[in-house]
Amino acid sequence: MHDRDLYATILGIRAPWQVSDVSLKATESTVEVTVALATDAATPCPQCGRPSPRYDAKPRRWRHLDTCQFKTFITADVPRIECA
């Protein structure tokens, strides 16, 4: 199992999201997991549920539970949508 598959399983990442990169920084004792949304994925409005066009994405970073003794961070560009 590859590191991206391992973290996708551990974090419960499902389509249309995917783990695109896992970076280990041993000197800083951190693991950075990058999660990306498929470019062709529909983006439903969180209020009405209709698919809506994306106009940009906001970079976000979250602290997750440690992986062994390494601090684990998840980063993603969260899409922002436009809905009437």
PDB file of N, CA and C in Angstrom:
ATOM      1  N   MET A   1       0.852  -1.179   0.000  1.00  0.00           N
ATOM      2  CA  MET A   1       0.000   0.000   0.000  1.00  0.00           C
ATOM      3  C   MET A   1       0.895   1.239   0.000  1.00  0.00           C
ATOM      4  N   HIS A   2       0.563   2.193  -0.845  1.00  0.00           N
ATOM      5  CA  HIS A   2       1.337   3.428  -0.943  1.00  0.00           C
ATOM      6  C   HIS A   2       0.884   4.418   0.124  1.00  0.00           C
ATOM      7  N   ASP A   3       1.732   5.411   0.389  1.00  0.00           N
ATOM      8  CA  ASP A   3       1.423   6.379   1.440  1.00  0.00           C
ATOM      9  C   ASP A   3       0.123   7.137   1.175  1.00  0.00           C
ATOM     10  N   ARG A   4      -0.163   7.491  -0.075  1.00  0.00           N
ATOM     11  CA  ARG A   4      -1.408   8.203  -0.376  1.00  0.00           C
ATOM     12  C   ARG A   4      -2.626   7.308  -0.117  1.00  0.00           C
ATOM     13  N   ASP A   5      -2.518   6.042  -0.500  1.00  0.00           N
ATOM     14  CA  ASP A   5      -3.614   5.102  -0.245  1.00  0.00           C
ATOM     15  C   ASP A   5      -3.809   4.880   1.249  1.00  0.00           C
ATOM     16  N   LEU A   6      -2.712   4.780   1.971  1.00  0.00           N
ATOM     17  CA  LEU A   6      -2.771   4.586   3.416  1.00  0.00           C
ATOM     18  C   LEU A   6      -3.494   5.744   4.090  1.00  0.00           C
ATOM     19  N   TYR A   7      -3.095   6.986   3.768  1.00  0.00           N
ATOM     20  CA  TYR A   7      -3.735   8.136   4.406  1.00  0.00           C
ATOM     21  C   TYR A   7      -5.170   8.326   3.947  1.00  0.00           C
ATOM     22  N   ALA A   8      -5.487   8.001   2.702  1.00  0.00           N
ATOM     23  CA  ALA A   8      -6.872   8.071   2.238  1.00  0.00           C
ATOM     24  C   ALA A   8      -7.743   7.113   3.049  1.00  0.00           C
ATOM     25  N   THR A   9      -7.218   5.930   3.338  1.00  0.00           N
ATOM     26  CA  THR A   9      -7.954   4.944   4.130  1.00  0.00           C
ATOM     27  C   THR A   9      -8.081   5.399   5.578  1.00  0.00           C
ATOM     28  N   ILE A  10      -6.978   5.841   6.175  1.00  0.00           N
ATOM     29  CA  ILE A  10      -6.984   6.278   7.575  1.00  0.00           C
ATOM     30  C   ILE A  10      -7.935   7.456   7.784  1.00  0.00           C
ATOM     31  N   LEU A  11      -7.911   8.438   6.854  1.00  0.00           N
ATOM     32  CA  LEU A  11      -8.710   9.650   7.005  1.00  0.00           C
ATOM     33  C   LEU A  11     -10.132   9.495   6.470  1.00  0.00           C
ATOM     34  N   GLY A  12     -10.408   8.402   5.752  1.00  0.00           N
ATOM     35  CA  GLY A  12     -11.747   8.200   5.205  1.00  0.00           C
ATOM     36  C   GLY A  12     -12.042   9.105   4.014  1.00  0.00           C
ATOM     37  N   ILE A  13     -11.022   9.444   3.244  1.00  0.00           N
ATOM     38  CA  ILE A  13     -11.191  10.308   2.074  1.00  0.00           C
ATOM     39  C   ILE A  13     -11.830   9.492   0.951  1.00  0.00           C
ATOM     40  N   ARG A  14     -12.926  10.007   0.410  1.00  0.00           N
ATOM     41  CA  ARG A  14     -13.647   9.321  -0.667  1.00  0.00           C
ATOM     42  C   ARG A  14     -13.837  10.282  -1.835  1.00  0.00           C
ATOM     43  N   ALA A  15     -14.105   9.693  -3.018  1.00  0.00           N
ATOM     44  CA  ALA A  15     -14.349  10.489  -4.218  1.00  0.00           C
ATOM     45  C   ALA A  15     -15.503  11.455  -3.957  1.00  0.00           C
ATOM     46  N   PRO A  16     -15.440  12.631  -4.446  1.00  0.00           N
ATOM     47  CA  PRO A  16     -14.531  13.167  -5.444  1.00  0.00           C
ATOM     48  C   PRO A  16     -13.223  13.722  -4.876  1.00  0.00           C
ATOM     49  N   TRP A  17     -13.034  13.606  -3.560  1.00  0.00           N
ATOM     50  CA  TRP A  17     -11.766  14.041  -2.951  1.00  0.00           C
ATOM     51  C   TRP A  17     -10.750  12.918  -3.047  1.00  0.00           C
ATOM     52  N   GLN A  18      -9.466  13.276  -3.046  1.00  0.00           N
ATOM     53  CA  GLN A  18      -8.395  12.285  -3.086  1.00  0.00           C
ATOM     54  C   GLN A  18      -7.157  12.842  -2.403  1.00  0.00           C
ATOM     55  N   VAL A  19      -6.354  11.955  -1.854  1.00  0.00           N
ATOM     56  CA  VAL A  19      -5.075  12.367  -1.273  1.00  0.00           C
ATOM     57  C   VAL A  19      -4.098  12.494  -2.437  1.00  0.00           C
ATOM     58  N   SER A  20      -3.631  13.715  -2.681  1.00  0.00           N
ATOM     59  CA  SER A  20      -2.752  13.951  -3.824  1.00  0.00           C
ATOM     60  C   SER A  20      -1.278  13.913  -3.458  1.00  0.00           C
ATOM     61  N   ASP A  21      -0.958  14.116  -2.169  1.00  0.00           N
ATOM     62  CA  ASP A  21       0.445  14.103  -1.767  1.00  0.00           C
ATOM     63  C   ASP A  21       0.559  13.877  -0.265  1.00  0.00           C
ATOM     64  N   VAL A  22       1.626  13.205   0.124  1.00  0.00           N
ATOM     65  CA  VAL A  22       1.977  13.030   1.533  1.00  0.00           C
ATOM     66  C   VAL A  22       3.442  13.397   1.653  1.00  0.00           C
ATOM     67  N   SER A  23       3.720  14.374   2.518  1.00  0.00           N
ATOM     68  CA  SER A  23       5.086  14.853   2.673  1.00  0.00           C
ATOM     69  C   SER A  23       5.527  14.689   4.124  1.00  0.00           C
ATOM     70  N   LEU A  24       6.626  13.972   4.314  1.00  0.00           N
ATOM     71  CA  LEU A  24       7.192  13.757   5.644  1.00  0.00           C
ATOM     72  C   LEU A  24       8.370  14.687   5.841  1.00  0.00           C
ATOM     73  N   LYS A  25       8.335  15.476   6.900  1.00  0.00           N
ATOM     74  CA  LYS A  25       9.448  16.356   7.259  1.00  0.00           C
ATOM     75  C   LYS A  25      10.011  15.857   8.579  1.00  0.00           C
ATOM     76  N   ALA A  26      10.997  14.969   8.486  1.00  0.00           N
ATOM     77  CA  ALA A  26      11.544  14.309   9.674  1.00  0.00           C
ATOM     78  C   ALA A  26      12.189  15.305  10.632  1.00  0.00           C
ATOM     79  N   THR A  27      12.840  16.336  10.103  1.00  0.00           N
ATOM     80  CA  THR A  27      13.506  17.316  10.973  1.00  0.00           C
ATOM     81  C   THR A  27      12.514  18.118  11.799  1.00  0.00           C
ATOM     82  N   GLU A  28      11.282  18.288  11.273  1.00  0.00           N
ATOM     83  CA  GLU A  28      10.248  19.029  11.996  1.00  0.00           C
ATOM     84  C   GLU A  28       9.241  18.102  12.677  1.00  0.00           C
ATOM     85  N   SER A  29       9.409  16.803  12.483  1.00  0.00           N
ATOM     86  CA  SER A  29       8.491  15.793  13.023  1.00  0.00           C
ATOM     87  C   SER A  29       7.046  16.054  12.600  1.00  0.00           C
ATOM     88  N   THR A  30       6.860  16.319  11.286  1.00  0.00           N
ATOM     89  CA  THR A  30       5.516  16.569  10.773  1.00  0.00           C
ATOM     90  C   THR A  30       5.241  15.744   9.523  1.00  0.00           C
ATOM     91  N   VAL A  31       3.960  15.477   9.325  1.00  0.00           N
ATOM     92  CA  VAL A  31       3.465  14.857   8.101  1.00  0.00           C
ATOM     93  C   VAL A  31       2.427  15.815   7.538  1.00  0.00           C
ATOM     94  N   GLU A  32       2.573  16.163   6.261  1.00  0.00           N
ATOM     95  CA  GLU A  32       1.633  17.051   5.583  1.00  0.00           C
ATOM     96  C   GLU A  32       0.882  16.218   4.540  1.00  0.00           C
ATOM     97  N   VAL A  33      -0.439  16.122   4.704  1.00  0.00           N
ATOM     98  CA  VAL A  33      -1.281  15.362   3.783  1.00  0.00           C
ATOM     99  C   VAL A  33      -2.078  16.375   2.958  1.00  0.00           C
ATOM    100  N   THR A  34      -1.875  16.352   1.643  1.00  0.00           N
ATOM    101  CA  THR A  34      -2.590  17.266   0.755  1.00  0.00           C
ATOM    102  C   THR A  34      -3.760  16.533   0.128  1.00  0.00           C
ATOM    103  N   VAL A  35      -4.942  17.127   0.262  1.00  0.00           N
ATOM    104  CA  VAL A  35      -6.171  16.553  -0.266  1.00  0.00           C
ATOM    105  C   VAL A  35      -6.670  17.481  -1.368  1.00  0.00           C
ATOM    106  N   ALA A  36      -7.089  16.888  -2.504  1.00  0.00           N
ATOM    107  CA  ALA A  36      -7.549  17.680  -3.636  1.00  0.00           C
ATOM    108  C   ALA A  36      -8.892  17.177  -4.130  1.00  0.00           C
ATOM    109  N   LEU A  37      -9.670  18.092  -4.661  1.00  0.00           N
ATOM    110  CA  LEU A  37     -10.960  17.771  -5.252  1.00  0.00           C
ATOM    111  C   LEU A  37     -10.752  17.527  -6.741  1.00  0.00           C
ATOM    112  N   ALA A  38     -11.356  16.484  -7.278  1.00  0.00           N
ATOM    113  CA  ALA A  38     -11.250  16.207  -8.714  1.00  0.00           C
ATOM    114  C   ALA A  38     -11.753  17.421  -9.499  1.00  0.00           C
ATOM    115  N   THR A  39     -11.040  17.764 -10.572  1.00  0.00           N
ATOM    116  CA  THR A  39     -11.374  18.975 -11.326  1.00  0.00           C
ATOM    117  C   THR A  39     -12.744  18.903 -11.981  1.00  0.00           C
ATOM    118  N   ASP A  40     -13.217  17.702 -12.306  1.00  0.00           N
ATOM    119  CA  ASP A  40     -14.519  17.566 -12.956  1.00  0.00           C
ATOM    120  C   ASP A  40     -15.646  17.282 -11.968  1.00  0.00           C
ATOM    121  N   ALA A  41     -15.364  17.353 -10.676  1.00  0.00           N
ATOM    122  CA  ALA A  41     -16.369  17.034  -9.661  1.00  0.00           C
ATOM    123  C   ALA A  41     -17.422  18.138  -9.556  1.00  0.00           C
ATOM    124  N   ALA A  42     -18.644  17.717  -9.359  1.00  0.00           N
ATOM    125  CA  ALA A  42     -19.730  18.667  -9.134  1.00  0.00           C
ATOM    126  C   ALA A  42     -19.567  19.288  -7.749  1.00  0.00           C
ATOM    127  N   THR A  43     -19.916  20.548  -7.647  1.00  0.00           N
ATOM    128  CA  THR A  43     -19.824  21.240  -6.353  1.00  0.00           C
ATOM    129  C   THR A  43     -21.234  21.699  -5.957  1.00  0.00           C
ATOM    130  N   PRO A  44     -21.892  20.935  -5.101  1.00  0.00           N
ATOM    131  CA  PRO A  44     -23.247  21.302  -4.700  1.00  0.00           C
ATOM    132  C   PRO A  44     -23.250  22.469  -3.707  1.00  0.00           C
ATOM    133  N   CYS A  45     -24.273  23.269  -3.808  1.00  0.00           N
ATOM    134  CA  CYS A  45     -24.468  24.366  -2.860  1.00  0.00           C
ATOM    135  C   CYS A  45     -24.796  23.762  -1.497  1.00  0.00           C
ATOM    136  N   PRO A  46     -24.145  24.223  -0.425  1.00  0.00           N
ATOM    137  CA  PRO A  46     -24.424  23.652   0.888  1.00  0.00           C
ATOM    138  C   PRO A  46     -25.823  23.984   1.419  1.00  0.00           C
ATOM    139  N   GLN A  47     -26.491  25.004   0.825  1.00  0.00           N
ATOM    140  CA  GLN A  47     -27.828  25.369   1.301  1.00  0.00           C
ATOM    141  C   GLN A  47     -28.939  24.706   0.501  1.00  0.00           C
ATOM    142  N   CYS A  48     -28.849  24.773  -0.853  1.00  0.00           N
ATOM    143  CA  CYS A  48     -29.946  24.231  -1.665  1.00  0.00           C
ATOM    144  C   CYS A  48     -29.600  22.880  -2.288  1.00  0.00           C
ATOM    145  N   GLY A  49     -28.316  22.515  -2.341  1.00  0.00           N
ATOM    146  CA  GLY A  49     -27.898  21.225  -2.865  1.00  0.00           C
ATOM    147  C   GLY A  49     -27.724  21.156  -4.371  1.00  0.00           C
ATOM    148  N   ARG A  50     -28.042  22.244  -5.087  1.00  0.00           N
ATOM    149  CA  ARG A  50     -27.887  22.228  -6.544  1.00  0.00           C
ATOM    150  C   ARG A  50     -26.419  22.385  -6.935  1.00  0.00           C
ATOM    151  N   PRO A  51     -25.988  21.684  -8.006  1.00  0.00           N
ATOM    152  CA  PRO A  51     -24.619  21.881  -8.498  1.00  0.00           C
ATOM    153  C   PRO A  51     -24.415  23.343  -8.896  1.00  0.00           C
ATOM    154  N   SER A  52     -23.317  23.919  -8.458  1.00  0.00           N
ATOM    155  CA  SER A  52     -23.044  25.334  -8.700  1.00  0.00           C
ATOM    156  C   SER A  52     -21.618  25.504  -9.199  1.00  0.00           C
ATOM    157  N   PRO A  53     -21.386  26.554  -9.995  1.00  0.00           N
ATOM    158  CA  PRO A  53     -20.038  26.775 -10.526  1.00  0.00           C
ATOM    159  C   PRO A  53     -19.075  27.276  -9.444  1.00  0.00           C
ATOM    160  N   ARG A  54     -17.850  26.833  -9.550  1.00  0.00           N
ATOM    161  CA  ARG A  54     -16.794  27.315  -8.646  1.00  0.00           C
ATOM    162  C   ARG A  54     -16.244  28.633  -9.186  1.00  0.00           C
ATOM    163  N   TYR A  55     -15.905  29.539  -8.285  1.00  0.00           N
ATOM    164  CA  TYR A  55     -15.269  30.767  -8.760  1.00  0.00           C
ATOM    165  C   TYR A  55     -13.842  30.905  -8.236  1.00  0.00           C
ATOM    166  N   ASP A  56     -13.496  30.186  -7.189  1.00  0.00           N
ATOM    167  CA  ASP A  56     -12.118  30.120  -6.724  1.00  0.00           C
ATOM    168  C   ASP A  56     -12.033  29.079  -5.621  1.00  0.00           C
ATOM    169  N   ALA A  57     -10.891  29.016  -4.970  1.00  0.00           N
ATOM    170  CA  ALA A  57     -10.710  28.072  -3.870  1.00  0.00           C
ATOM    171  C   ALA A  57      -9.938  28.768  -2.756  1.00  0.00           C
ATOM    172  N   LYS A  58     -10.266  28.410  -1.553  1.00  0.00           N
ATOM    173  CA  LYS A  58      -9.610  28.997  -0.388  1.00  0.00           C
ATOM    174  C   LYS A  58      -8.695  27.948   0.233  1.00  0.00           C
ATOM    175  N   PRO A  59      -7.382  28.244   0.304  1.00  0.00           N
ATOM    176  CA  PRO A  59      -6.475  27.267   0.931  1.00  0.00           C
ATOM    177  C   PRO A  59      -6.764  27.150   2.430  1.00  0.00           C
ATOM    178  N   ARG A  60      -6.849  25.922   2.910  1.00  0.00           N
ATOM    179  CA  ARG A  60      -7.117  25.667   4.325  1.00  0.00           C
ATOM    180  C   ARG A  60      -6.120  24.649   4.844  1.00  0.00           C
ATOM    181  N   ARG A  61      -5.895  24.680   6.154  1.00  0.00           N
ATOM    182  CA  ARG A  61      -4.970  23.739   6.805  1.00  0.00           C
ATOM    183  C   ARG A  61      -5.540  23.368   8.163  1.00  0.00           C
ATOM    184  N   TRP A  62      -5.583  22.064   8.439  1.00  0.00           N
ATOM    185  CA  TRP A  62      -6.111  21.566   9.702  1.00  0.00           C
ATOM    186  C   TRP A  62      -5.084  20.683  10.385  1.00  0.00           C
ATOM    187  N   ARG A  63      -5.093  20.712  11.691  1.00  0.00           N
ATOM    188  CA  ARG A  63      -4.267  19.791  12.481  1.00  0.00           C
ATOM    189  C   ARG A  63      -5.090  18.538  12.709  1.00  0.00           C
ATOM    190  N   HIS A  64      -4.478  17.391  12.496  1.00  0.00           N
ATOM    191  CA  HIS A  64      -5.153  16.117  12.701  1.00  0.00           C
ATOM    192  C   HIS A  64      -4.468  15.389  13.844  1.00  0.00           C
ATOM    193  N   LEU A  65      -4.971  14.229  14.204  1.00  0.00           N
ATOM    194  CA  LEU A  65      -4.316  13.419  15.223  1.00  0.00           C
ATOM    195  C   LEU A  65      -2.919  13.038  14.754  1.00  0.00           C
ATOM    196  N   ASP A  66      -2.020  12.881  15.679  1.00  0.00           N
ATOM    197  CA  ASP A  66      -0.642  12.533  15.327  1.00  0.00           C
ATOM    198  C   ASP A  66      -0.557  11.172  14.650  1.00  0.00           C
ATOM    199  N   THR A  67       0.421  11.054  13.768  1.00  0.00           N
ATOM    200  CA  THR A  67       0.770   9.772  13.156  1.00  0.00           C
ATOM    201  C   THR A  67       2.032   9.322  13.870  1.00  0.00           C
ATOM    202  N   CYS A  68       1.876   8.320  14.715  1.00  0.00           N
ATOM    203  CA  CYS A  68       2.956   7.907  15.627  1.00  0.00           C
ATOM    204  C   CYS A  68       3.343   9.140  16.447  1.00  0.00           C
ATOM    205  N   GLN A  69       4.570   9.618  16.322  1.00  0.00           N
ATOM    206  CA  GLN A  69       4.967  10.806  17.082  1.00  0.00           C
ATOM    207  C   GLN A  69       5.119  12.031  16.186  1.00  0.00           C
ATOM    208  N   PHE A  70       4.541  11.977  14.989  1.00  0.00           N
ATOM    209  CA  PHE A  70       4.634  13.080  14.045  1.00  0.00           C
ATOM    210  C   PHE A  70       3.338  13.878  14.037  1.00  0.00           C
ATOM    211  N   LYS A  71       3.449  15.195  14.133  1.00  0.00           N
ATOM    212  CA  LYS A  71       2.278  16.050  14.017  1.00  0.00           C
ATOM    213  C   LYS A  71       1.760  15.909  12.588  1.00  0.00           C
ATOM    214  N   THR A  72       0.450  15.739  12.448  1.00  0.00           N
ATOM    215  CA  THR A  72      -0.136  15.535  11.130  1.00  0.00           C
ATOM    216  C   THR A  72      -1.032  16.710  10.779  1.00  0.00           C
ATOM    217  N   PHE A  73      -0.811  17.247   9.578  1.00  0.00           N
ATOM    218  CA  PHE A  73      -1.593  18.370   9.076  1.00  0.00           C
ATOM    219  C   PHE A  73      -2.237  17.974   7.753  1.00  0.00           C
ATOM    220  N   ILE A  74      -3.460  18.444   7.545  1.00  0.00           N
ATOM    221  CA  ILE A  74      -4.171  18.212   6.288  1.00  0.00           C
ATOM    222  C   ILE A  74      -4.340  19.565   5.621  1.00  0.00           C
ATOM    223  N   THR A  75      -3.983  19.646   4.345  1.00  0.00           N
ATOM    224  CA  THR A  75      -4.177  20.872   3.584  1.00  0.00           C
ATOM    225  C   THR A  75      -5.056  20.588   2.382  1.00  0.00           C
ATOM    226  N   ALA A  76      -5.881  21.568   2.024  1.00  0.00           N
ATOM    227  CA  ALA A  76      -6.761  21.431   0.866  1.00  0.00           C
ATOM    228  C   ALA A  76      -7.155  22.818   0.375  1.00  0.00           C
ATOM    229  N   ASP A  77      -7.376  22.916  -0.921  1.00  0.00           N
ATOM    230  CA  ASP A  77      -7.968  24.115  -1.496  1.00  0.00           C
ATOM    231  C   ASP A  77      -9.473  23.865  -1.550  1.00  0.00           C
ATOM    232  N   VAL A  78     -10.200  24.495  -0.639  1.00  0.00           N
ATOM    233  CA  VAL A  78     -11.643  24.287  -0.527  1.00  0.00           C
ATOM    234  C   VAL A  78     -12.333  25.178  -1.540  1.00  0.00           C
ATOM    235  N   PRO A  79     -13.123  24.580  -2.452  1.00  0.00           N
ATOM    236  CA  PRO A  79     -13.754  25.393  -3.493  1.00  0.00           C
ATOM    237  C   PRO A  79     -14.847  26.302  -2.926  1.00  0.00           C
ATOM    238  N   ARG A  80     -14.914  27.493  -3.516  1.00  0.00           N
ATOM    239  CA  ARG A  80     -16.007  28.398  -3.182  1.00  0.00           C
ATOM    240  C   ARG A  80     -16.898  28.467  -4.421  1.00  0.00           C
ATOM    241  N   ILE A  81     -18.187  28.478  -4.187  1.00  0.00           N
ATOM    242  CA  ILE A  81     -19.143  28.408  -5.292  1.00  0.00           C
ATOM    243  C   ILE A  81     -20.040  29.626  -5.327  1.00  0.00           C
ATOM    244  N   GLU A  82     -20.730  29.779  -6.453  1.00  0.00           N
ATOM    245  CA  GLU A  82     -21.673  30.864  -6.623  1.00  0.00           C
ATOM    246  C   GLU A  82     -23.033  30.266  -6.886  1.00  0.00           C
ATOM    247  N   CYS A  83     -23.971  30.568  -6.008  1.00  0.00           N
ATOM    248  CA  CYS A  83     -25.330  30.027  -6.151  1.00  0.00           C
ATOM    249  C   CYS A  83     -26.340  31.157  -5.945  1.00  0.00           C
ATOM    250  N   ALA A  84     -27.344  31.142  -6.789  1.00  0.00           N
ATOM    251  CA  ALA A  84     -28.370  32.189  -6.689  1.00  0.00           C
ATOM    252  C   ALA A  84     -29.153  32.015  -5.395  1.00  0.00           C
TER     253      ALA A  84
END
